[in-house]
């Protein structure tokens, strides 16, 4: 299996003490994937970071580890920054985001070849990086394509979803169970287009739609929720790690288990 992840590689600043941690959906997923995927699976990360210190160093050092092949270009700008508050409940609150260098995102020829030869591609999209998403899908993509529609709960961009749906095989969404109309709309699209849509619902578990089927997965209760940052990335990594080998229900169980581990630690990926 050759997994290629492409998108944001950045840092998180935790308020109010301004503590700096590695972040970025793509980087978080990649680090989680290296834990969850088989040791024999190849993982390649494609991204762009800035030249600001220490932000670029924190972002790069987190993914520049054994068994992750980094194809990361540098551009003279700022590394993406997500500002986060953690509530008493352990829930994250994203207060502000600076895309920085991602506004200049590009792919070189080597990176394009890596994408074309993938067995599985994972990439995120949110409104601040639509240009990144467009760049990815303008390239030749190999294998199965998975997308994390990470801000669909607050920015339900059906126009973007429908624009690329024919190229997407698996889509992840993080919603609230009260968003029933939104869930029903996604169910309709998944069934009509014969796609797999996986919807995480926080403390209420997750559901999946495929081929007129609805699968439900209960959450795992933990003693204490410390930080929910990166829970969706953890779920997706656990889910996709055995996607080609196990049933959808078993993949949902793996995703749930990995997310439950992650939220018991501070930061997007447990140390």
C-alpha atoms as a PDB file:
ATOM      1  CA  UNK A   1       0.000   0.000   0.000  1.00  0.00           C
ATOM      2  CA  UNK A   2       1.295   3.425  -0.951  1.00  0.00           C
ATOM      3  CA  UNK A   3      -0.515   6.178   0.962  1.00  0.00           C
ATOM      4  CA  UNK A   4      -0.007   9.776  -0.154  1.00  0.00           C
ATOM      5  CA  UNK A   5      -1.232  12.612   2.053  1.00  0.00           C
ATOM      6  CA  UNK A   6      -1.354  16.120   0.647  1.00  0.00           C
ATOM      7  CA  UNK A   7      -2.341  19.480   2.074  1.00  0.00           C
ATOM      8  CA  UNK A   8      -1.621  21.536   5.175  1.00  0.00           C
ATOM      9  CA  UNK A   9       1.345  21.109   7.473  1.00  0.00           C
ATOM     10  CA  UNK A  10       1.303  23.740  10.200  1.00  0.00           C
ATOM     11  CA  UNK A  11       1.283  24.533  13.887  1.00  0.00           C
ATOM     12  CA  UNK A  12      -1.293  25.000  16.634  1.00  0.00           C
ATOM     13  CA  UNK A  13      -1.031  27.827  19.157  1.00  0.00           C
ATOM     14  CA  UNK A  14      -2.856  27.021  22.360  1.00  0.00           C
ATOM     15  CA  UNK A  15      -4.336  30.003  24.159  1.00  0.00           C
ATOM     16  CA  UNK A  16      -3.978  31.717  26.561  1.00  0.00           C
ATOM     17  CA  UNK A  17      -0.360  30.670  27.180  1.00  0.00           C
ATOM     18  CA  UNK A  18       0.463  30.641  23.432  1.00  0.00           C
ATOM     19  CA  UNK A  19       1.999  27.170  23.612  1.00  0.00           C
ATOM     20  CA  UNK A  20       3.208  25.954  20.206  1.00  0.00           C
ATOM     21  CA  UNK A  21       2.418  22.429  18.996  1.00  0.00           C
ATOM     22  CA  UNK A  22       2.573  20.654  15.614  1.00  0.00           C
ATOM     23  CA  UNK A  23      -0.714  20.866  13.697  1.00  0.00           C
ATOM     24  CA  UNK A  24      -2.448  20.905  10.342  1.00  0.00           C
ATOM     25  CA  UNK A  25      -5.026  18.322   9.296  1.00  0.00           C
ATOM     26  CA  UNK A  26      -2.754  16.674   6.744  1.00  0.00           C
ATOM     27  CA  UNK A  27       0.203  16.513   9.113  1.00  0.00           C
ATOM     28  CA  UNK A  28      -1.980  15.222  11.960  1.00  0.00           C
ATOM     29  CA  UNK A  29      -3.488  12.515   9.771  1.00  0.00           C
ATOM     30  CA  UNK A  30      -0.054  11.518   8.453  1.00  0.00           C
ATOM     31  CA  UNK A  31       1.397  11.109  11.940  1.00  0.00           C
ATOM     32  CA  UNK A  32      -1.633   9.109  13.022  1.00  0.00           C
ATOM     33  CA  UNK A  33      -1.434   7.001   9.863  1.00  0.00           C
ATOM     34  CA  UNK A  34       2.148   6.055  10.627  1.00  0.00           C
ATOM     35  CA  UNK A  35       0.910   4.661  13.931  1.00  0.00           C
ATOM     36  CA  UNK A  36      -2.175   2.908  12.526  1.00  0.00           C
ATOM     37  CA  UNK A  37      -1.115   1.651   9.099  1.00  0.00           C
ATOM     38  CA  UNK A  38       0.951  -1.493   8.649  1.00  0.00           C
ATOM     39  CA  UNK A  39       4.694  -1.031   8.997  1.00  0.00           C
ATOM     40  CA  UNK A  40       5.140  -2.224   5.413  1.00  0.00           C
ATOM     41  CA  UNK A  41       2.831   0.474   4.030  1.00  0.00           C
ATOM     42  CA  UNK A  42       4.651   3.398   2.408  1.00  0.00           C
ATOM     43  CA  UNK A  43       3.560   6.876   3.463  1.00  0.00           C
ATOM     44  CA  UNK A  44       4.418  10.000   1.458  1.00  0.00           C
ATOM     45  CA  UNK A  45       3.525  13.522   2.624  1.00  0.00           C
ATOM     46  CA  UNK A  46       3.236  16.449   0.203  1.00  0.00           C
ATOM     47  CA  UNK A  47       2.991  19.955   1.619  1.00  0.00           C
ATOM     48  CA  UNK A  48       4.349  23.496   1.712  1.00  0.00           C
ATOM     49  CA  UNK A  49       5.687  25.306   4.780  1.00  0.00           C
ATOM     50  CA  UNK A  50       7.123  28.737   5.437  1.00  0.00           C
ATOM     51  CA  UNK A  51      10.508  30.028   6.487  1.00  0.00           C
ATOM     52  CA  UNK A  52       9.468  31.457   9.852  1.00  0.00           C
ATOM     53  CA  UNK A  53      11.191  30.143  12.966  1.00  0.00           C
ATOM     54  CA  UNK A  54      10.352  28.351  15.191  1.00  0.00           C
ATOM     55  CA  UNK A  55       6.996  27.645  13.485  1.00  0.00           C
ATOM     56  CA  UNK A  56       8.421  26.023  10.355  1.00  0.00           C
ATOM     57  CA  UNK A  57      10.801  23.910  12.462  1.00  0.00           C
ATOM     58  CA  UNK A  58       8.027  22.624  14.716  1.00  0.00           C
ATOM     59  CA  UNK A  59       5.846  21.770  11.706  1.00  0.00           C
ATOM     60  CA  UNK A  60       8.624  20.030   9.780  1.00  0.00           C
ATOM     61  CA  UNK A  61      10.217  18.143  12.669  1.00  0.00           C
ATOM     62  CA  UNK A  62       6.880  16.548  13.607  1.00  0.00           C
ATOM     63  CA  UNK A  63       6.569  14.752  10.265  1.00  0.00           C
ATOM     64  CA  UNK A  64      10.217  14.350   9.302  1.00  0.00           C
ATOM     65  CA  UNK A  65      10.443  11.044  11.110  1.00  0.00           C
ATOM     66  CA  UNK A  66      11.223   7.442  10.255  1.00  0.00           C
ATOM     67  CA  UNK A  67       8.968   5.817   7.677  1.00  0.00           C
ATOM     68  CA  UNK A  68       7.362   9.054   6.462  1.00  0.00           C
ATOM     69  CA  UNK A  69       8.698  10.289   3.121  1.00  0.00           C
ATOM     70  CA  UNK A  70       8.436  14.077   3.177  1.00  0.00           C
ATOM     71  CA  UNK A  71       8.059  16.016  -0.074  1.00  0.00           C
ATOM     72  CA  UNK A  72       7.750  19.439   1.530  1.00  0.00           C
ATOM     73  CA  UNK A  73       8.682  22.623  -0.291  1.00  0.00           C
ATOM     74  CA  UNK A  74       9.463  25.901   1.459  1.00  0.00           C
ATOM     75  CA  UNK A  75       8.186  29.312   0.488  1.00  0.00           C
ATOM     76  CA  UNK A  76       9.244  32.651   1.944  1.00  0.00           C
ATOM     77  CA  UNK A  77       6.122  33.231   3.978  1.00  0.00           C
ATOM     78  CA  UNK A  78       4.504  32.107   7.244  1.00  0.00           C
ATOM     79  CA  UNK A  79       3.724  28.534   8.187  1.00  0.00           C
ATOM     80  CA  UNK A  80      -0.048  27.967   8.701  1.00  0.00           C
ATOM     81  CA  UNK A  81      -1.204  28.657  12.271  1.00  0.00           C
ATOM     82  CA  UNK A  82      -4.379  27.524  14.035  1.00  0.00           C
ATOM     83  CA  UNK A  83      -5.202  29.296  17.318  1.00  0.00           C
ATOM     84  CA  UNK A  84      -6.999  27.051  19.801  1.00  0.00           C
ATOM     85  CA  UNK A  85      -8.722  27.377  23.154  1.00  0.00           C
ATOM     86  CA  UNK A  86      -9.483  24.272  25.195  1.00  0.00           C
ATOM     87  CA  UNK A  87     -12.720  24.454  27.180  1.00  0.00           C
ATOM     88  CA  UNK A  88     -13.153  22.895  30.620  1.00  0.00           C
ATOM     89  CA  UNK A  89     -14.914  19.963  28.934  1.00  0.00           C
ATOM     90  CA  UNK A  90     -11.822  19.260  26.824  1.00  0.00           C
ATOM     91  CA  UNK A  91     -13.581  20.422  23.663  1.00  0.00           C
ATOM     92  CA  UNK A  92     -11.486  22.509  21.289  1.00  0.00           C
ATOM     93  CA  UNK A  93     -12.470  25.973  20.111  1.00  0.00           C
ATOM     94  CA  UNK A  94     -10.768  27.207  16.952  1.00  0.00           C
ATOM     95  CA  UNK A  95     -10.528  30.970  17.452  1.00  0.00           C
ATOM     96  CA  UNK A  96      -8.498  32.115  14.440  1.00  0.00           C
ATOM     97  CA  UNK A  97      -6.656  30.634  11.463  1.00  0.00           C
ATOM     98  CA  UNK A  98      -3.821  32.023   9.343  1.00  0.00           C
ATOM     99  CA  UNK A  99      -3.235  30.020   6.132  1.00  0.00           C
ATOM    100  CA  UNK A 100       0.074  31.760   5.491  1.00  0.00           C
ATOM    101  CA  UNK A 101       2.126  29.969   2.870  1.00  0.00           C
ATOM    102  CA  UNK A 102      -0.850  27.886   1.715  1.00  0.00           C
ATOM    103  CA  UNK A 103      -2.080  30.905  -0.230  1.00  0.00           C
ATOM    104  CA  UNK A 104       0.882  30.191  -2.550  1.00  0.00           C
ATOM    105  CA  UNK A 105       0.464  26.408  -2.706  1.00  0.00           C
ATOM    106  CA  UNK A 106       1.914  24.673  -5.749  1.00  0.00           C
ATOM    107  CA  UNK A 107       3.077  21.224  -6.829  1.00  0.00           C
ATOM    108  CA  UNK A 108       6.416  20.522  -8.443  1.00  0.00           C
ATOM    109  CA  UNK A 109       6.953  17.727 -10.961  1.00  0.00           C
ATOM    110  CA  UNK A 110       8.313  15.290  -8.383  1.00  0.00           C
ATOM    111  CA  UNK A 111       5.289  15.784  -6.159  1.00  0.00           C
ATOM    112  CA  UNK A 112       2.939  15.279  -9.114  1.00  0.00           C
ATOM    113  CA  UNK A 113       4.601  11.933  -9.864  1.00  0.00           C
ATOM    114  CA  UNK A 114       4.163  10.838  -6.251  1.00  0.00           C
ATOM    115  CA  UNK A 115       0.438  11.652  -6.474  1.00  0.00           C
ATOM    116  CA  UNK A 116      -0.005   9.802  -9.755  1.00  0.00           C
ATOM    117  CA  UNK A 117       1.531   6.615  -8.335  1.00  0.00           C
ATOM    118  CA  UNK A 118      -0.502   6.464  -5.115  1.00  0.00           C
ATOM    119  CA  UNK A 119      -2.738   3.595  -4.055  1.00  0.00           C
ATOM    120  CA  UNK A 120      -4.613   5.816  -1.601  1.00  0.00           C
ATOM    121  CA  UNK A 121      -4.684   9.630  -1.375  1.00  0.00           C
ATOM    122  CA  UNK A 122      -5.932  11.574   1.636  1.00  0.00           C
ATOM    123  CA  UNK A 123      -6.441  15.344   1.472  1.00  0.00           C
ATOM    124  CA  UNK A 124      -8.492  17.880   3.477  1.00  0.00           C
ATOM    125  CA  UNK A 125     -10.501  20.891   2.414  1.00  0.00           C
ATOM    126  CA  UNK A 126     -11.813  23.904   4.328  1.00  0.00           C
ATOM    127  CA  UNK A 127     -12.776  27.316   3.065  1.00  0.00           C
ATOM    128  CA  UNK A 128      -9.388  28.965   3.655  1.00  0.00           C
ATOM    129  CA  UNK A 129      -7.577  26.465   1.413  1.00  0.00           C
ATOM    130  CA  UNK A 130      -9.904  25.946  -1.534  1.00  0.00           C
ATOM    131  CA  UNK A 131      -6.977  26.890  -3.773  1.00  0.00           C
ATOM    132  CA  UNK A 132      -4.987  23.959  -2.375  1.00  0.00           C
ATOM    133  CA  UNK A 133      -7.892  21.593  -3.022  1.00  0.00           C
ATOM    134  CA  UNK A 134      -8.278  22.854  -6.590  1.00  0.00           C
ATOM    135  CA  UNK A 135      -4.554  22.379  -7.196  1.00  0.00           C
ATOM    136  CA  UNK A 136      -4.678  18.801  -5.926  1.00  0.00           C
ATOM    137  CA  UNK A 137      -7.626  17.867  -8.134  1.00  0.00           C
ATOM    138  CA  UNK A 138      -6.146  19.515 -11.193  1.00  0.00           C
ATOM    139  CA  UNK A 139      -3.336  16.957 -11.021  1.00  0.00           C
ATOM    140  CA  UNK A 140      -3.331  13.322 -12.088  1.00  0.00           C
ATOM    141  CA  UNK A 141      -4.407  11.301  -9.064  1.00  0.00           C
ATOM    142  CA  UNK A 142      -3.834   7.604  -8.578  1.00  0.00           C
ATOM    143  CA  UNK A 143      -5.762   5.021  -6.596  1.00  0.00           C
ATOM    144  CA  UNK A 144      -8.563   5.629  -4.090  1.00  0.00           C
ATOM    145  CA  UNK A 145      -9.268   9.275  -3.207  1.00  0.00           C
ATOM    146  CA  UNK A 146     -10.352  10.190   0.333  1.00  0.00           C
ATOM    147  CA  UNK A 147     -11.255  13.737   1.379  1.00  0.00           C
ATOM    148  CA  UNK A 148     -11.791  15.267   4.809  1.00  0.00           C
ATOM    149  CA  UNK A 149     -14.455  17.987   4.471  1.00  0.00           C
ATOM    150  CA  UNK A 150     -13.306  19.369   7.780  1.00  0.00           C
ATOM    151  CA  UNK A 151     -15.510  22.455   8.132  1.00  0.00           C
ATOM    152  CA  UNK A 152     -18.717  21.132   6.567  1.00  0.00           C
ATOM    153  CA  UNK A 153     -20.543  21.563   9.860  1.00  0.00           C
ATOM    154  CA  UNK A 154     -20.136  25.347   9.685  1.00  0.00           C
ATOM    155  CA  UNK A 155     -19.544  25.855   5.947  1.00  0.00           C
ATOM    156  CA  UNK A 156     -21.685  23.333   4.075  1.00  0.00           C
ATOM    157  CA  UNK A 157     -20.270  23.882   0.615  1.00  0.00           C
ATOM    158  CA  UNK A 158     -22.371  21.538  -1.509  1.00  0.00           C
ATOM    159  CA  UNK A 159     -21.234  23.333  -4.646  1.00  0.00           C
ATOM    160  CA  UNK A 160     -17.639  22.288  -3.969  1.00  0.00           C
ATOM    161  CA  UNK A 161     -18.689  18.767  -2.993  1.00  0.00           C
ATOM    162  CA  UNK A 162     -20.729  18.286  -6.166  1.00  0.00           C
ATOM    163  CA  UNK A 163     -17.972  19.771  -8.309  1.00  0.00           C
ATOM    164  CA  UNK A 164     -15.525  17.028  -7.314  1.00  0.00           C
ATOM    165  CA  UNK A 165     -17.795  14.183  -6.184  1.00  0.00           C
ATOM    166  CA  UNK A 166     -17.147  12.049  -9.270  1.00  0.00           C
ATOM    167  CA  UNK A 167     -13.429  11.983  -8.455  1.00  0.00           C
ATOM    168  CA  UNK A 168     -13.869  11.208  -4.746  1.00  0.00           C
ATOM    169  CA  UNK A 169     -14.290   7.673  -3.381  1.00  0.00           C
ATOM    170  CA  UNK A 170     -14.490   8.320   0.378  1.00  0.00           C
ATOM    171  CA  UNK A 171     -15.514  11.501   2.199  1.00  0.00           C
ATOM    172  CA  UNK A 172     -15.287  12.263   5.914  1.00  0.00           C
ATOM    173  CA  UNK A 173     -17.456  14.855   7.656  1.00  0.00           C
ATOM    174  CA  UNK A 174     -17.531  16.025  11.274  1.00  0.00           C
ATOM    175  CA  UNK A 175     -21.080  17.050  12.183  1.00  0.00           C
ATOM    176  CA  UNK A 176     -23.474  17.302  15.119  1.00  0.00           C
ATOM    177  CA  UNK A 177     -26.320  14.817  15.493  1.00  0.00           C
ATOM    178  CA  UNK A 178     -28.755  17.754  15.546  1.00  0.00           C
ATOM    179  CA  UNK A 179     -27.842  18.594  11.931  1.00  0.00           C
ATOM    180  CA  UNK A 180     -30.371  16.083  10.631  1.00  0.00           C
ATOM    181  CA  UNK A 181     -31.177  17.936   7.409  1.00  0.00           C
ATOM    182  CA  UNK A 182     -27.499  18.110   6.527  1.00  0.00           C
ATOM    183  CA  UNK A 183     -27.015  14.426   7.304  1.00  0.00           C
ATOM    184  CA  UNK A 184     -30.007  13.514   5.124  1.00  0.00           C
ATOM    185  CA  UNK A 185     -28.621  15.551   2.229  1.00  0.00           C
ATOM    186  CA  UNK A 186     -25.262  13.801   2.477  1.00  0.00           C
ATOM    187  CA  UNK A 187     -26.988  10.418   2.663  1.00  0.00           C
ATOM    188  CA  UNK A 188     -28.838  11.180  -0.572  1.00  0.00           C
ATOM    189  CA  UNK A 189     -25.655  12.197  -2.389  1.00  0.00           C
ATOM    190  CA  UNK A 190     -23.722   9.166  -1.124  1.00  0.00           C
ATOM    191  CA  UNK A 191     -26.416   6.781  -2.319  1.00  0.00           C
ATOM    192  CA  UNK A 192     -27.048   8.492  -5.662  1.00  0.00           C
ATOM    193  CA  UNK A 193     -23.346   8.731  -6.497  1.00  0.00           C
ATOM    194  CA  UNK A 194     -22.449   5.349  -4.948  1.00  0.00           C
ATOM    195  CA  UNK A 195     -19.825   6.876  -2.676  1.00  0.00           C
ATOM    196  CA  UNK A 196     -18.785   6.120   0.889  1.00  0.00           C
ATOM    197  CA  UNK A 197     -19.541   8.962   3.306  1.00  0.00           C
ATOM    198  CA  UNK A 198     -18.393   8.666   6.916  1.00  0.00           C
ATOM    199  CA  UNK A 199     -19.819  11.157   9.419  1.00  0.00           C
ATOM    200  CA  UNK A 200     -18.330  11.508  12.888  1.00  0.00           C
ATOM    201  CA  UNK A 201     -20.682  12.852  15.540  1.00  0.00           C
ATOM    202  CA  UNK A 202     -18.359  13.548  18.463  1.00  0.00           C
ATOM    203  CA  UNK A 203     -19.603  11.988  21.690  1.00  0.00           C
ATOM    204  CA  UNK A 204     -22.458  10.295  19.800  1.00  0.00           C
ATOM    205  CA  UNK A 205     -20.279   8.053  17.668  1.00  0.00           C
ATOM    206  CA  UNK A 206     -20.283   7.871  13.888  1.00  0.00           C
ATOM    207  CA  UNK A 207     -22.374   6.773  10.925  1.00  0.00           C
ATOM    208  CA  UNK A 208     -21.535   5.715   7.387  1.00  0.00           C
ATOM    209  CA  UNK A 209     -23.544   5.638   4.184  1.00  0.00           C
ATOM    210  CA  UNK A 210     -22.806   3.417   1.202  1.00  0.00           C
ATOM    211  CA  UNK A 211     -24.978   1.581  -1.328  1.00  0.00           C
ATOM    212  CA  UNK A 212     -28.237   2.444   0.461  1.00  0.00           C
ATOM    213  CA  UNK A 213     -26.740   1.100   3.689  1.00  0.00           C
ATOM    214  CA  UNK A 214     -26.462   2.987   6.950  1.00  0.00           C
ATOM    215  CA  UNK A 215     -23.920   1.748   9.485  1.00  0.00           C
ATOM    216  CA  UNK A 216     -23.745   3.076  13.040  1.00  0.00           C
ATOM    217  CA  UNK A 217     -20.837   2.992  15.473  1.00  0.00           C
ATOM    218  CA  UNK A 218     -21.155   3.785  19.169  1.00  0.00           C
ATOM    219  CA  UNK A 219     -18.539   6.003  20.852  1.00  0.00           C
ATOM    220  CA  UNK A 220     -16.037   4.749  23.395  1.00  0.00           C
ATOM    221  CA  UNK A 221     -16.391   6.401  26.783  1.00  0.00           C
ATOM    222  CA  UNK A 222     -13.149   7.649  28.310  1.00  0.00           C
ATOM    223  CA  UNK A 223     -12.379   8.652  31.893  1.00  0.00           C
ATOM    224  CA  UNK A 224     -11.387  12.202  30.975  1.00  0.00           C
ATOM    225  CA  UNK A 225     -11.429  14.176  27.732  1.00  0.00           C
ATOM    226  CA  UNK A 226      -8.302  16.328  27.697  1.00  0.00           C
ATOM    227  CA  UNK A 227      -8.257  17.763  24.176  1.00  0.00           C
ATOM    228  CA  UNK A 228     -10.454  16.909  21.181  1.00  0.00           C
ATOM    229  CA  UNK A 229      -8.037  18.519  18.696  1.00  0.00           C
ATOM    230  CA  UNK A 230      -7.186  16.005  15.978  1.00  0.00           C
ATOM    231  CA  UNK A 231      -9.910  13.515  16.909  1.00  0.00           C
ATOM    232  CA  UNK A 232     -11.300  13.494  13.366  1.00  0.00           C
ATOM    233  CA  UNK A 233      -7.832  12.974  11.899  1.00  0.00           C
ATOM    234  CA  UNK A 234      -7.275  10.088  14.308  1.00  0.00           C
ATOM    235  CA  UNK A 235     -10.594   8.519  13.332  1.00  0.00           C
ATOM    236  CA  UNK A 236      -9.838   8.793   9.609  1.00  0.00           C
ATOM    237  CA  UNK A 237      -6.369   7.267  10.060  1.00  0.00           C
ATOM    238  CA  UNK A 238      -7.720   4.340  12.038  1.00  0.00           C
ATOM    239  CA  UNK A 239     -10.572   3.828   9.565  1.00  0.00           C
ATOM    240  CA  UNK A 240      -8.421   3.916   6.431  1.00  0.00           C
ATOM    241  CA  UNK A 241      -5.579   1.859   7.900  1.00  0.00           C
ATOM    242  CA  UNK A 242      -7.413  -1.408   7.172  1.00  0.00           C
ATOM    243  CA  UNK A 243      -9.979  -0.207   4.649  1.00  0.00           C
ATOM    244  CA  UNK A 244      -8.845  -2.613   1.932  1.00  0.00           C
ATOM    245  CA  UNK A 245      -8.845  -5.596   4.309  1.00  0.00           C
ATOM    246  CA  UNK A 246     -11.725  -5.317   6.777  1.00  0.00           C
ATOM    247  CA  UNK A 247     -15.463  -4.613   6.718  1.00  0.00           C
ATOM    248  CA  UNK A 248     -16.747  -1.044   6.999  1.00  0.00           C
ATOM    249  CA  UNK A 249     -18.038  -1.750  10.509  1.00  0.00           C
ATOM    250  CA  UNK A 250     -14.616  -2.985  11.602  1.00  0.00           C
ATOM    251  CA  UNK A 251     -12.987   0.108  10.065  1.00  0.00           C
ATOM    252  CA  UNK A 252     -15.404   2.316  11.990  1.00  0.00           C
ATOM    253  CA  UNK A 253     -14.451   0.499  15.183  1.00  0.00           C
ATOM    254  CA  UNK A 254     -10.749   1.110  14.497  1.00  0.00           C
ATOM    255  CA  UNK A 255     -11.395   4.782  13.832  1.00  0.00           C
ATOM    256  CA  UNK A 256     -13.376   5.127  17.038  1.00  0.00           C
ATOM    257  CA  UNK A 257     -10.698   3.407  19.099  1.00  0.00           C
ATOM    258  CA  UNK A 258      -7.957   5.643  17.728  1.00  0.00           C
ATOM    259  CA  UNK A 259      -9.967   8.831  18.287  1.00  0.00           C
ATOM    260  CA  UNK A 260     -10.733   7.753  21.854  1.00  0.00           C
ATOM    261  CA  UNK A 261      -7.016   7.348  22.550  1.00  0.00           C
ATOM    262  CA  UNK A 262      -6.186  10.741  21.072  1.00  0.00           C
ATOM    263  CA  UNK A 263      -8.680  12.840  23.064  1.00  0.00           C
ATOM    264  CA  UNK A 264      -7.139  11.654  26.317  1.00  0.00           C
ATOM    265  CA  UNK A 265      -3.930  13.554  25.551  1.00  0.00           C
ATOM    266  CA  UNK A 266      -2.982  17.173  24.983  1.00  0.00           C
ATOM    267  CA  UNK A 267      -2.236  18.031  21.364  1.00  0.00           C
ATOM    268  CA  UNK A 268      -3.412  16.645  18.034  1.00  0.00           C
ATOM    269  CA  UNK A 269      -1.365  13.428  18.221  1.00  0.00           C
ATOM    270  CA  UNK A 270      -0.413  11.690  21.491  1.00  0.00           C
ATOM    271  CA  UNK A 271       3.300  11.931  22.230  1.00  0.00           C
END
